[in-house]
Amino acid sequence: VSSPMKKYALMLLCTPSVSALTLSPLRAASVGRFSSAPTLLFKGSSKSLKVPPSQEPPDTDDGSFGKSLRRLQASPARAAMAATYVAALTYVFSGAAPQGAPDETLQIITECLDPASYLPTTSVSLFYVIFNSLGVMPALYAAVLLPGASDQAPVPPQTIVGSFAFGYGALGPYLALRRPRPDPVALSDLGFWGKLTENKVFAVAMVLSALSLGSKLFLIEDWASAIATYSQLFDAFGLVNVSSFDLLVLQLFFFEPAREDMRRRGWWASPGENPTAEQIVRLSAFCAVPVLGPAAYVLARPSLED
């Protein structure tokens, strides 16, 4: 056979080998548009080599103040918490709040800490209930905040402890700047105090404490005199004045962490979904009655799964 014929025959034999390994035009077009990996199509086979998808990007919320401030802009409730905290600090440290004599202030505290000395006719009858309610509300806040206290920043969850002494003055920054934690949490993942507040014995104790304080209001016979006396104390003593505002603020803002706690327990709509009328009514009912309502929620809420 002549040399040209040999070359032509060799070309025909090699052509299938070259065309057996080609880039599919359709798949090649998708590389640029969809960033999918090119596939090698082998002659006589429909199988393709696929690259596994990349993992989802990690949470970029590093707990910085910048992230927290942007969270305030996106949440009217969080913004109101921050504004209230700044206003409270300004009110207290600017001297606008009444001071009162130190010895008389100490006497009021002593009377409020002694349940045996309580009488409906005493000058602190109304403030006694307010003062001691400030020992119950921080415990109820701890019950709804501790399940979501893991890896919180920029304000540490230890400020919850300070709320027992300083109320919203210690709790305010944490409430306003904390990271949302609506996902379900296992009971075994909680620490000692978190597990304690999940115990129904704790919840019953909170309800009984709230009922005990509320019952003292029904013992007051002369409400006009009790209100007049409380008004005098409110105008004269910073302890009475600031504590009254403190309890009001803690009660008003309880709905926000309670709503998040409801979501992690299946009592509130998932993120991106609208709550039902039943869910809204339930949250409103638990937040309508001061102290007793939040205590009833802690008792009635579904338990975390272990």
C-alpha atoms as a PDB file:
ATOM      1  CA  VAL A   1       0.000   0.000   0.000  1.00  0.00           C
ATOM      2  CA  SER A   2       1.269   3.420  -0.862  1.00  0.00           C
ATOM      3  CA  SER A   3       2.444   5.767   1.853  1.00  0.00           C
ATOM      4  CA  PRO A   4      -0.487   8.234   1.394  1.00  0.00           C
ATOM      5  CA  MET A   5      -2.975   5.389   1.774  1.00  0.00           C
ATOM      6  CA  LYS A   6      -1.272   4.255   4.994  1.00  0.00           C
ATOM      7  CA  LYS A   7      -1.550   7.762   6.442  1.00  0.00           C
ATOM      8  CA  TYR A   8      -5.232   7.982   5.473  1.00  0.00           C
ATOM      9  CA  ALA A   9      -6.023   4.615   7.067  1.00  0.00           C
ATOM     10  CA  LEU A  10      -4.162   5.572  10.234  1.00  0.00           C
ATOM     11  CA  MET A  11      -6.172   8.825  10.450  1.00  0.00           C
ATOM     12  CA  LEU A  12      -9.457   6.920  10.209  1.00  0.00           C
ATOM     13  CA  LEU A  13      -8.394   4.576  12.993  1.00  0.00           C
ATOM     14  CA  CYS A  14      -7.403   7.441  15.327  1.00  0.00           C
ATOM     15  CA  THR A  15     -10.487   9.584  14.744  1.00  0.00           C
ATOM     16  CA  PRO A  16     -12.822   7.576  17.063  1.00  0.00           C
ATOM     17  CA  SER A  17     -10.166   7.642  19.795  1.00  0.00           C
ATOM     18  CA  VAL A  18      -9.917  11.406  19.648  1.00  0.00           C
ATOM     19  CA  SER A  19     -13.666  12.013  19.532  1.00  0.00           C
ATOM     20  CA  ALA A  20     -14.351   9.562  22.352  1.00  0.00           C
ATOM     21  CA  LEU A  21     -13.236  12.156  24.952  1.00  0.00           C
ATOM     22  CA  THR A  22     -14.971  15.498  24.401  1.00  0.00           C
ATOM     23  CA  LEU A  23     -16.410  18.354  26.454  1.00  0.00           C
ATOM     24  CA  SER A  24     -20.163  18.494  26.125  1.00  0.00           C
ATOM     25  CA  PRO A  25     -21.086  21.904  24.621  1.00  0.00           C
ATOM     26  CA  LEU A  26     -24.146  22.264  26.842  1.00  0.00           C
ATOM     27  CA  ARG A  27     -22.231  21.516  29.997  1.00  0.00           C
ATOM     28  CA  ALA A  28     -19.408  23.770  28.926  1.00  0.00           C
ATOM     29  CA  ALA A  29     -21.876  26.621  28.541  1.00  0.00           C
ATOM     30  CA  SER A  30     -23.160  26.023  32.053  1.00  0.00           C
ATOM     31  CA  VAL A  31     -19.675  26.359  33.519  1.00  0.00           C
ATOM     32  CA  GLY A  32     -19.560  30.068  33.001  1.00  0.00           C
ATOM     33  CA  ARG A  33     -23.172  30.782  33.921  1.00  0.00           C
ATOM     34  CA  PHE A  34     -23.820  28.501  36.869  1.00  0.00           C
ATOM     35  CA  SER A  35     -20.314  27.657  38.099  1.00  0.00           C
ATOM     36  CA  SER A  36     -21.027  23.924  37.855  1.00  0.00           C
ATOM     37  CA  ALA A  37     -18.162  21.559  37.267  1.00  0.00           C
ATOM     38  CA  PRO A  38     -17.551  20.417  33.644  1.00  0.00           C
ATOM     39  CA  THR A  39     -18.313  16.779  32.973  1.00  0.00           C
ATOM     40  CA  LEU A  40     -16.425  14.313  30.842  1.00  0.00           C
ATOM     41  CA  LEU A  41     -18.765  12.322  28.645  1.00  0.00           C
ATOM     42  CA  PHE A  42     -17.357   9.013  27.474  1.00  0.00           C
ATOM     43  CA  LYS A  43     -18.525   7.429  24.259  1.00  0.00           C
ATOM     44  CA  GLY A  44     -21.110   4.783  24.890  1.00  0.00           C
ATOM     45  CA  SER A  45     -21.728   5.872  28.515  1.00  0.00           C
ATOM     46  CA  SER A  46     -24.117   8.425  30.047  1.00  0.00           C
ATOM     47  CA  LYS A  47     -22.286   8.556  33.374  1.00  0.00           C
ATOM     48  CA  SER A  48     -20.684  11.833  34.439  1.00  0.00           C
ATOM     49  CA  LEU A  49     -18.220  12.878  37.101  1.00  0.00           C
ATOM     50  CA  LYS A  50     -19.780  15.353  39.578  1.00  0.00           C
ATOM     51  CA  VAL A  51     -18.084  17.502  42.193  1.00  0.00           C
ATOM     52  CA  PRO A  52     -19.939  17.529  45.558  1.00  0.00           C
ATOM     53  CA  PRO A  53     -21.575  20.875  46.419  1.00  0.00           C
ATOM     54  CA  SER A  54     -19.704  23.197  48.740  1.00  0.00           C
ATOM     55  CA  GLN A  55     -20.857  23.578  52.335  1.00  0.00           C
ATOM     56  CA  GLU A  56     -23.023  26.505  53.422  1.00  0.00           C
ATOM     57  CA  PRO A  57     -21.041  29.544  54.531  1.00  0.00           C
ATOM     58  CA  PRO A  58     -20.613  29.793  58.303  1.00  0.00           C
ATOM     59  CA  ASP A  59     -22.480  32.319  60.413  1.00  0.00           C
ATOM     60  CA  THR A  60     -20.730  35.649  59.969  1.00  0.00           C
ATOM     61  CA  ASP A  61     -22.231  37.166  63.121  1.00  0.00           C
ATOM     62  CA  ASP A  62     -19.077  37.514  65.185  1.00  0.00           C
ATOM     63  CA  GLY A  63     -20.801  39.281  68.058  1.00  0.00           C
ATOM     64  CA  SER A  64     -19.233  42.658  67.282  1.00  0.00           C
ATOM     65  CA  PHE A  65     -20.899  45.913  68.265  1.00  0.00           C
ATOM     66  CA  GLY A  66     -21.290  46.751  64.587  1.00  0.00           C
ATOM     67  CA  LYS A  67     -23.434  43.661  64.026  1.00  0.00           C
ATOM     68  CA  SER A  68     -25.409  44.426  67.181  1.00  0.00           C
ATOM     69  CA  LEU A  69     -26.080  48.006  66.137  1.00  0.00           C
ATOM     70  CA  ARG A  70     -27.359  46.849  62.753  1.00  0.00           C
ATOM     71  CA  ARG A  71     -29.614  44.429  64.623  1.00  0.00           C
ATOM     72  CA  LEU A  72     -31.046  47.385  66.557  1.00  0.00           C
ATOM     73  CA  GLN A  73     -31.889  49.106  63.287  1.00  0.00           C
ATOM     74  CA  ALA A  74     -33.776  46.046  62.082  1.00  0.00           C
ATOM     75  CA  SER A  75     -35.782  45.510  65.287  1.00  0.00           C
ATOM     76  CA  PRO A  76     -38.037  48.241  66.725  1.00  0.00           C
ATOM     77  CA  ALA A  77     -38.281  46.299  69.995  1.00  0.00           C
ATOM     78  CA  ARG A  78     -34.492  46.102  70.363  1.00  0.00           C
ATOM     79  CA  ALA A  79     -34.171  49.788  69.459  1.00  0.00           C
ATOM     80  CA  ALA A  80     -36.754  50.671  72.124  1.00  0.00           C
ATOM     81  CA  MET A  81     -34.801  48.631  74.681  1.00  0.00           C
ATOM     82  CA  ALA A  82     -31.606  50.519  73.903  1.00  0.00           C
ATOM     83  CA  ALA A  83     -33.322  53.912  73.941  1.00  0.00           C
ATOM     84  CA  THR A  84     -34.997  53.139  77.264  1.00  0.00           C
ATOM     85  CA  TYR A  85     -31.672  52.085  78.764  1.00  0.00           C
ATOM     86  CA  VAL A  86     -29.966  55.320  77.700  1.00  0.00           C
ATOM     87  CA  ALA A  87     -32.905  57.369  78.995  1.00  0.00           C
ATOM     88  CA  ALA A  88     -32.818  55.537  82.341  1.00  0.00           C
ATOM     89  CA  LEU A  89     -29.099  56.171  82.804  1.00  0.00           C
ATOM     90  CA  THR A  90     -29.582  59.827  81.936  1.00  0.00           C
ATOM     91  CA  TYR A  91     -32.479  60.115  84.378  1.00  0.00           C
ATOM     92  CA  VAL A  92     -30.588  58.535  87.266  1.00  0.00           C
ATOM     93  CA  PHE A  93     -27.145  60.085  86.846  1.00  0.00           C
ATOM     94  CA  SER A  94     -28.286  63.552  85.822  1.00  0.00           C
ATOM     95  CA  GLY A  95     -29.841  64.104  89.233  1.00  0.00           C
ATOM     96  CA  ALA A  96     -33.387  64.236  87.884  1.00  0.00           C
ATOM     97  CA  ALA A  97     -34.467  61.345  90.101  1.00  0.00           C
ATOM     98  CA  PRO A  98     -35.287  62.236  93.726  1.00  0.00           C
ATOM     99  CA  GLN A  99     -32.689  61.282  96.302  1.00  0.00           C
ATOM    100  CA  GLY A 100     -34.285  60.945  99.735  1.00  0.00           C
ATOM    101  CA  ALA A 101     -32.550  60.686 103.085  1.00  0.00           C
ATOM    102  CA  PRO A 102     -30.240  57.634 103.294  1.00  0.00           C
ATOM    103  CA  ASP A 103     -31.495  56.540 106.722  1.00  0.00           C
ATOM    104  CA  GLU A 104     -35.136  56.727 105.635  1.00  0.00           C
ATOM    105  CA  THR A 105     -34.300  54.848 102.423  1.00  0.00           C
ATOM    106  CA  LEU A 106     -32.660  52.113 104.477  1.00  0.00           C
ATOM    107  CA  GLN A 107     -35.756  51.914 106.674  1.00  0.00           C
ATOM    108  CA  ILE A 108     -37.964  51.417 103.606  1.00  0.00           C
ATOM    109  CA  ILE A 109     -35.706  48.600 102.387  1.00  0.00           C
ATOM    110  CA  THR A 110     -35.800  46.937 105.805  1.00  0.00           C
ATOM    111  CA  GLU A 111     -39.592  47.008 105.896  1.00  0.00           C
ATOM    112  CA  CYS A 112     -39.842  45.606 102.373  1.00  0.00           C
ATOM    113  CA  LEU A 113     -37.490  42.728 103.194  1.00  0.00           C
ATOM    114  CA  ASP A 114     -39.469  41.646 106.272  1.00  0.00           C
ATOM    115  CA  PRO A 115     -42.705  39.890 105.251  1.00  0.00           C
ATOM    116  CA  ALA A 116     -43.716  39.445 108.890  1.00  0.00           C
ATOM    117  CA  SER A 117     -43.908  43.195 109.385  1.00  0.00           C
ATOM    118  CA  TYR A 118     -46.167  43.787 106.401  1.00  0.00           C
ATOM    119  CA  LEU A 119     -49.514  45.376 107.147  1.00  0.00           C
ATOM    120  CA  PRO A 120     -51.989  46.816 104.627  1.00  0.00           C
ATOM    121  CA  THR A 121     -51.954  50.069 106.572  1.00  0.00           C
ATOM    122  CA  THR A 122     -48.174  50.568 106.499  1.00  0.00           C
ATOM    123  CA  SER A 123     -46.687  53.363 104.428  1.00  0.00           C
ATOM    124  CA  VAL A 124     -44.953  50.885 102.123  1.00  0.00           C
ATOM    125  CA  SER A 125     -47.980  48.682 101.422  1.00  0.00           C
ATOM    126  CA  LEU A 126     -47.968  49.303  97.646  1.00  0.00           C
ATOM    127  CA  PHE A 127     -44.223  49.650  97.315  1.00  0.00           C
ATOM    128  CA  TYR A 128     -43.746  46.399  99.221  1.00  0.00           C
ATOM    129  CA  VAL A 129     -45.348  44.556  96.296  1.00  0.00           C
ATOM    130  CA  ILE A 130     -43.302  46.484  93.724  1.00  0.00           C
ATOM    131  CA  PHE A 131     -40.005  46.016  95.555  1.00  0.00           C
ATOM    132  CA  ASN A 132     -40.399  42.273  96.002  1.00  0.00           C
ATOM    133  CA  SER A 133     -41.670  41.820  92.449  1.00  0.00           C
ATOM    134  CA  LEU A 134     -38.219  42.984  91.365  1.00  0.00           C
ATOM    135  CA  GLY A 135     -36.886  39.776  92.886  1.00  0.00           C
ATOM    136  CA  VAL A 136     -39.263  37.633  90.825  1.00  0.00           C
ATOM    137  CA  MET A 137     -38.997  39.281  87.400  1.00  0.00           C
ATOM    138  CA  PRO A 138     -35.218  38.736  86.996  1.00  0.00           C
ATOM    139  CA  ALA A 139     -35.740  35.036  87.739  1.00  0.00           C
ATOM    140  CA  LEU A 140     -38.425  34.874  85.047  1.00  0.00           C
ATOM    141  CA  TYR A 141     -36.130  36.640  82.592  1.00  0.00           C
ATOM    142  CA  ALA A 142     -33.430  34.102  83.396  1.00  0.00           C
ATOM    143  CA  ALA A 143     -35.891  31.308  82.587  1.00  0.00           C
ATOM    144  CA  VAL A 144     -36.491  32.606  79.050  1.00  0.00           C
ATOM    145  CA  LEU A 145     -32.958  33.879  78.341  1.00  0.00           C
ATOM    146  CA  LEU A 146     -30.702  31.082  79.602  1.00  0.00           C
ATOM    147  CA  PRO A 147     -31.711  28.544  76.902  1.00  0.00           C
ATOM    148  CA  GLY A 148     -30.290  30.963  74.334  1.00  0.00           C
ATOM    149  CA  ALA A 149     -27.316  32.207  76.350  1.00  0.00           C
ATOM    150  CA  SER A 150     -24.690  30.031  74.657  1.00  0.00           C
ATOM    151  CA  ASP A 151     -21.959  31.899  72.761  1.00  0.00           C
ATOM    152  CA  GLN A 152     -23.500  35.322  73.302  1.00  0.00           C
ATOM    153  CA  ALA A 153     -21.637  38.515  72.477  1.00  0.00           C
ATOM    154  CA  PRO A 154     -20.844  41.384  72.783  1.00  0.00           C
ATOM    155  CA  VAL A 155     -22.611  41.518  76.168  1.00  0.00           C
ATOM    156  CA  PRO A 156     -22.070  38.359  78.257  1.00  0.00           C
ATOM    157  CA  PRO A 157     -25.089  36.543  79.720  1.00  0.00           C
ATOM    158  CA  GLN A 158     -23.609  36.948  83.209  1.00  0.00           C
ATOM    159  CA  THR A 159     -25.369  40.316  83.299  1.00  0.00           C
ATOM    160  CA  ILE A 160     -28.564  38.369  83.989  1.00  0.00           C
ATOM    161  CA  VAL A 161     -27.244  37.810  87.515  1.00  0.00           C
ATOM    162  CA  GLY A 162     -26.765  41.545  87.969  1.00  0.00           C
ATOM    163  CA  SER A 163     -30.438  42.152  87.238  1.00  0.00           C
ATOM    164  CA  PHE A 164     -31.353  40.755  90.663  1.00  0.00           C
ATOM    165  CA  ALA A 165     -29.629  43.774  92.214  1.00  0.00           C
ATOM    166  CA  PHE A 166     -29.809  46.438  89.505  1.00  0.00           C
ATOM    167  CA  GLY A 167     -32.813  45.360  87.451  1.00  0.00           C
ATOM    168  CA  TYR A 168     -32.954  46.755  83.948  1.00  0.00           C
ATOM    169  CA  GLY A 169     -29.787  48.713  84.659  1.00  0.00           C
ATOM    170  CA  ALA A 170     -27.841  45.452  84.379  1.00  0.00           C
ATOM    171  CA  LEU A 171     -30.110  43.535  82.007  1.00  0.00           C
ATOM    172  CA  GLY A 172     -30.817  46.248  79.438  1.00  0.00           C
ATOM    173  CA  PRO A 173     -27.632  45.976  77.328  1.00  0.00           C
ATOM    174  CA  TYR A 174     -27.920  42.201  77.118  1.00  0.00           C
ATOM    175  CA  LEU A 175     -31.575  42.350  76.075  1.00  0.00           C
ATOM    176  CA  ALA A 176     -30.898  44.911  73.360  1.00  0.00           C
ATOM    177  CA  LEU A 177     -27.660  43.520  71.902  1.00  0.00           C
ATOM    178  CA  ARG A 178     -27.877  39.757  72.314  1.00  0.00           C
ATOM    179  CA  ARG A 179     -27.874  37.425  69.311  1.00  0.00           C
ATOM    180  CA  PRO A 180     -31.203  35.822  68.364  1.00  0.00           C
ATOM    181  CA  ARG A 181     -31.398  32.178  69.439  1.00  0.00           C
ATOM    182  CA  PRO A 182     -34.774  30.838  68.200  1.00  0.00           C
ATOM    183  CA  ASP A 183     -33.567  27.325  67.349  1.00  0.00           C
ATOM    184  CA  PRO A 184     -34.563  24.360  69.562  1.00  0.00           C
ATOM    185  CA  VAL A 185     -32.158  23.572  72.395  1.00  0.00           C
ATOM    186  CA  ALA A 186     -31.664  20.244  74.132  1.00  0.00           C
ATOM    187  CA  LEU A 187     -32.073  20.225  77.894  1.00  0.00           C
ATOM    188  CA  SER A 188     -28.762  18.390  78.226  1.00  0.00           C
ATOM    189  CA  ASP A 189     -26.984  21.340  76.571  1.00  0.00           C
ATOM    190  CA  LEU A 190     -27.968  23.739  79.354  1.00  0.00           C
ATOM    191  CA  GLY A 191     -25.857  24.504  82.381  1.00  0.00           C
ATOM    192  CA  PHE A 192     -26.878  24.139  86.010  1.00  0.00           C
ATOM    193  CA  TRP A 193     -28.881  27.351  86.217  1.00  0.00           C
ATOM    194  CA  GLY A 194     -30.523  26.766  82.869  1.00  0.00           C
ATOM    195  CA  LYS A 195     -31.688  23.319  83.946  1.00  0.00           C
ATOM    196  CA  LEU A 196     -32.892  24.771  87.247  1.00  0.00           C
ATOM    197  CA  THR A 197     -35.129  27.310  85.534  1.00  0.00           C
ATOM    198  CA  GLU A 198     -36.490  24.547  83.273  1.00  0.00           C
ATOM    199  CA  ASN A 199     -37.660  22.588  86.302  1.00  0.00           C
ATOM    200  CA  LYS A 200     -41.403  22.793  86.911  1.00  0.00           C
ATOM    201  CA  VAL A 201     -40.753  23.095  90.645  1.00  0.00           C
ATOM    202  CA  PHE A 202     -39.019  26.389  89.919  1.00  0.00           C
ATOM    203  CA  ALA A 203     -41.975  27.494  87.780  1.00  0.00           C
ATOM    204  CA  VAL A 204     -44.474  26.625  90.511  1.00  0.00           C
ATOM    205  CA  ALA A 205     -42.410  28.611  93.017  1.00  0.00           C
ATOM    206  CA  MET A 206     -42.506  31.629  90.706  1.00  0.00           C
ATOM    207  CA  VAL A 207     -46.286  31.405  90.317  1.00  0.00           C
ATOM    208  CA  LEU A 208     -46.788  31.068  94.075  1.00  0.00           C
ATOM    209  CA  SER A 209     -44.516  34.051  94.712  1.00  0.00           C
ATOM    210  CA  ALA A 210     -46.468  36.154  92.228  1.00  0.00           C
ATOM    211  CA  LEU A 211     -49.778  35.085  93.754  1.00  0.00           C
ATOM    212  CA  SER A 212     -48.502  35.845  97.250  1.00  0.00           C
ATOM    213  CA  LEU A 213     -47.491  39.357  96.258  1.00  0.00           C
ATOM    214  CA  GLY A 214     -50.746  39.944  94.417  1.00  0.00           C
ATOM    215  CA  SER A 215     -52.790  38.746  97.374  1.00  0.00           C
ATOM    216  CA  LYS A 216     -51.343  41.518  99.528  1.00  0.00           C
ATOM    217  CA  LEU A 217     -53.002  44.057  97.288  1.00  0.00           C
ATOM    218  CA  PHE A 218     -56.416  42.594  98.149  1.00  0.00           C
ATOM    219  CA  LEU A 219     -55.705  43.201 101.838  1.00  0.00           C
ATOM    220  CA  ILE A 220     -55.606  46.959 101.323  1.00  0.00           C
ATOM    221  CA  GLU A 221     -58.900  48.475 102.451  1.00  0.00           C
ATOM    222  CA  ASP A 222     -58.257  52.195 101.998  1.00  0.00           C
ATOM    223  CA  TRP A 223     -56.909  52.419  98.460  1.00  0.00           C
ATOM    224  CA  ALA A 224     -57.092  56.206  98.345  1.00  0.00           C
ATOM    225  CA  SER A 225     -54.806  56.475 101.357  1.00  0.00           C
ATOM    226  CA  ALA A 226     -52.449  53.778 100.046  1.00  0.00           C
ATOM    227  CA  ILE A 227     -52.112  55.510  96.664  1.00  0.00           C
ATOM    228  CA  ALA A 228     -51.561  58.907  98.297  1.00  0.00           C
ATOM    229  CA  THR A 229     -48.825  57.482 100.523  1.00  0.00           C
ATOM    230  CA  TYR A 230     -47.175  55.747  97.595  1.00  0.00           C
ATOM    231  CA  SER A 231     -47.235  58.991  95.594  1.00  0.00           C
ATOM    232  CA  GLN A 232     -45.444  60.797  98.402  1.00  0.00           C
ATOM    233  CA  LEU A 233     -42.758  58.119  98.547  1.00  0.00           C
ATOM    234  CA  PHE A 234     -42.465  58.153  94.752  1.00  0.00           C
ATOM    235  CA  ASP A 235     -41.782  61.900  94.721  1.00  0.00           C
ATOM    236  CA  ALA A 236     -39.376  61.865  97.668  1.00  0.00           C
ATOM    237  CA  PHE A 237     -37.237  58.724  97.370  1.00  0.00           C
ATOM    238  CA  GLY A 238     -35.127  57.603  94.451  1.00  0.00           C
ATOM    239  CA  LEU A 239     -35.473  53.987  95.569  1.00  0.00           C
ATOM    240  CA  VAL A 240     -39.254  54.067  95.154  1.00  0.00           C
ATOM    241  CA  ASN A 241     -39.139  56.190  92.024  1.00  0.00           C
ATOM    242  CA  VAL A 242     -36.527  54.220  90.093  1.00  0.00           C
ATOM    243  CA  SER A 243     -37.769  50.809  91.273  1.00  0.00           C
ATOM    244  CA  SER A 244     -41.268  51.585  90.042  1.00  0.00           C
ATOM    245  CA  PHE A 245     -39.982  52.510  86.597  1.00  0.00           C
ATOM    246  CA  ASP A 246     -37.742  49.447  86.646  1.00  0.00           C
ATOM    247  CA  LEU A 247     -40.615  47.031  87.207  1.00  0.00           C
ATOM    248  CA  LEU A 248     -42.683  48.751  84.519  1.00  0.00           C
ATOM    249  CA  VAL A 249     -39.890  48.432  81.941  1.00  0.00           C
ATOM    250  CA  LEU A 250     -39.160  44.793  82.793  1.00  0.00           C
ATOM    251  CA  GLN A 251     -42.829  43.932  82.393  1.00  0.00           C
ATOM    252  CA  LEU A 252     -43.196  45.819  79.095  1.00  0.00           C
ATOM    253  CA  PHE A 253     -40.180  44.196  77.427  1.00  0.00           C
ATOM    254  CA  PHE A 254     -40.787  40.643  78.606  1.00  0.00           C
ATOM    255  CA  PHE A 255     -42.686  39.855  75.400  1.00  0.00           C
ATOM    256  CA  GLU A 256     -39.539  39.968  73.246  1.00  0.00           C
ATOM    257  CA  PRO A 257     -37.458  37.217  74.922  1.00  0.00           C
ATOM    258  CA  ALA A 258     -40.663  35.287  75.659  1.00  0.00           C
ATOM    259  CA  ARG A 259     -41.536  35.291  71.950  1.00  0.00           C
ATOM    260  CA  GLU A 260     -38.088  33.923  71.100  1.00  0.00           C
ATOM    261  CA  ASP A 261     -38.476  31.272  73.792  1.00  0.00           C
ATOM    262  CA  MET A 262     -41.875  30.319  72.376  1.00  0.00           C
ATOM    263  CA  ARG A 263     -40.325  29.900  68.939  1.00  0.00           C
ATOM    264  CA  ARG A 264     -37.690  27.437  70.144  1.00  0.00           C
ATOM    265  CA  ARG A 265     -40.469  25.400  71.793  1.00  0.00           C
ATOM    266  CA  GLY A 266     -42.842  25.379  68.815  1.00  0.00           C
ATOM    267  CA  TRP A 267     -45.291  27.911  70.262  1.00  0.00           C
ATOM    268  CA  TRP A 268     -44.452  30.649  67.748  1.00  0.00           C
ATOM    269  CA  ALA A 269     -44.072  30.814  63.984  1.00  0.00           C
ATOM    270  CA  SER A 270     -40.705  29.908  62.476  1.00  0.00           C
ATOM    271  CA  PRO A 271     -38.486  32.711  61.104  1.00  0.00           C
ATOM    272  CA  GLY A 272     -39.962  34.064  57.878  1.00  0.00           C
ATOM    273  CA  GLU A 273     -43.503  32.926  58.731  1.00  0.00           C
ATOM    274  CA  ASN A 274     -46.353  35.005  60.134  1.00  0.00           C
ATOM    275  CA  PRO A 275     -47.681  34.041  63.576  1.00  0.00           C
ATOM    276  CA  THR A 276     -51.233  32.815  63.844  1.00  0.00           C
ATOM    277  CA  ALA A 277     -53.937  34.678  65.730  1.00  0.00           C
ATOM    278  CA  GLU A 278     -53.825  32.005  68.423  1.00  0.00           C
ATOM    279  CA  GLN A 279     -50.101  32.530  68.927  1.00  0.00           C
ATOM    280  CA  ILE A 280     -50.501  36.304  69.186  1.00  0.00           C
ATOM    281  CA  VAL A 281     -53.339  36.010  71.701  1.00  0.00           C
ATOM    282  CA  ARG A 282     -51.361  33.525  73.783  1.00  0.00           C
ATOM    283  CA  LEU A 283     -48.309  35.784  73.977  1.00  0.00           C
ATOM    284  CA  SER A 284     -50.472  38.817  74.775  1.00  0.00           C
ATOM    285  CA  ALA A 285     -52.275  36.964  77.556  1.00  0.00           C
ATOM    286  CA  PHE A 286     -49.047  35.924  79.264  1.00  0.00           C
ATOM    287  CA  CYS A 287     -47.697  39.481  79.099  1.00  0.00           C
ATOM    288  CA  ALA A 288     -50.890  41.301  80.109  1.00  0.00           C
ATOM    289  CA  VAL A 289     -50.802  40.618  83.864  1.00  0.00           C
ATOM    290  CA  PRO A 290     -47.707  42.006  85.623  1.00  0.00           C
ATOM    291  CA  VAL A 291     -45.422  39.368  87.180  1.00  0.00           C
ATOM    292  CA  LEU A 292     -48.126  36.694  87.365  1.00  0.00           C
ATOM    293  CA  GLY A 293     -48.461  36.490  83.568  1.00  0.00           C
ATOM    294  CA  PRO A 294     -44.752  35.832  82.915  1.00  0.00           C
ATOM    295  CA  ALA A 295     -44.693  33.354  85.812  1.00  0.00           C
ATOM    296  CA  ALA A 296     -47.675  31.522  84.320  1.00  0.00           C
ATOM    297  CA  TYR A 297     -45.872  31.321  80.983  1.00  0.00           C
ATOM    298  CA  VAL A 298     -42.785  29.735  82.545  1.00  0.00           C
ATOM    299  CA  LEU A 299     -45.056  27.142  84.144  1.00  0.00           C
ATOM    300  CA  ALA A 300     -47.193  26.431  81.066  1.00  0.00           C
ATOM    301  CA  ARG A 301     -44.527  26.436  78.338  1.00  0.00           C
ATOM    302  CA  PRO A 302     -43.528  23.109  76.739  1.00  0.00           C
ATOM    303  CA  SER A 303     -40.445  21.494  78.223  1.00  0.00           C
ATOM    304  CA  LEU A 304     -37.238  21.237  76.233  1.00  0.00           C
ATOM    305  CA  GLU A 305     -36.491  17.801  74.846  1.00  0.00           C
ATOM    306  CA  ASP A 306     -33.486  16.004  76.273  1.00  0.00           C
END
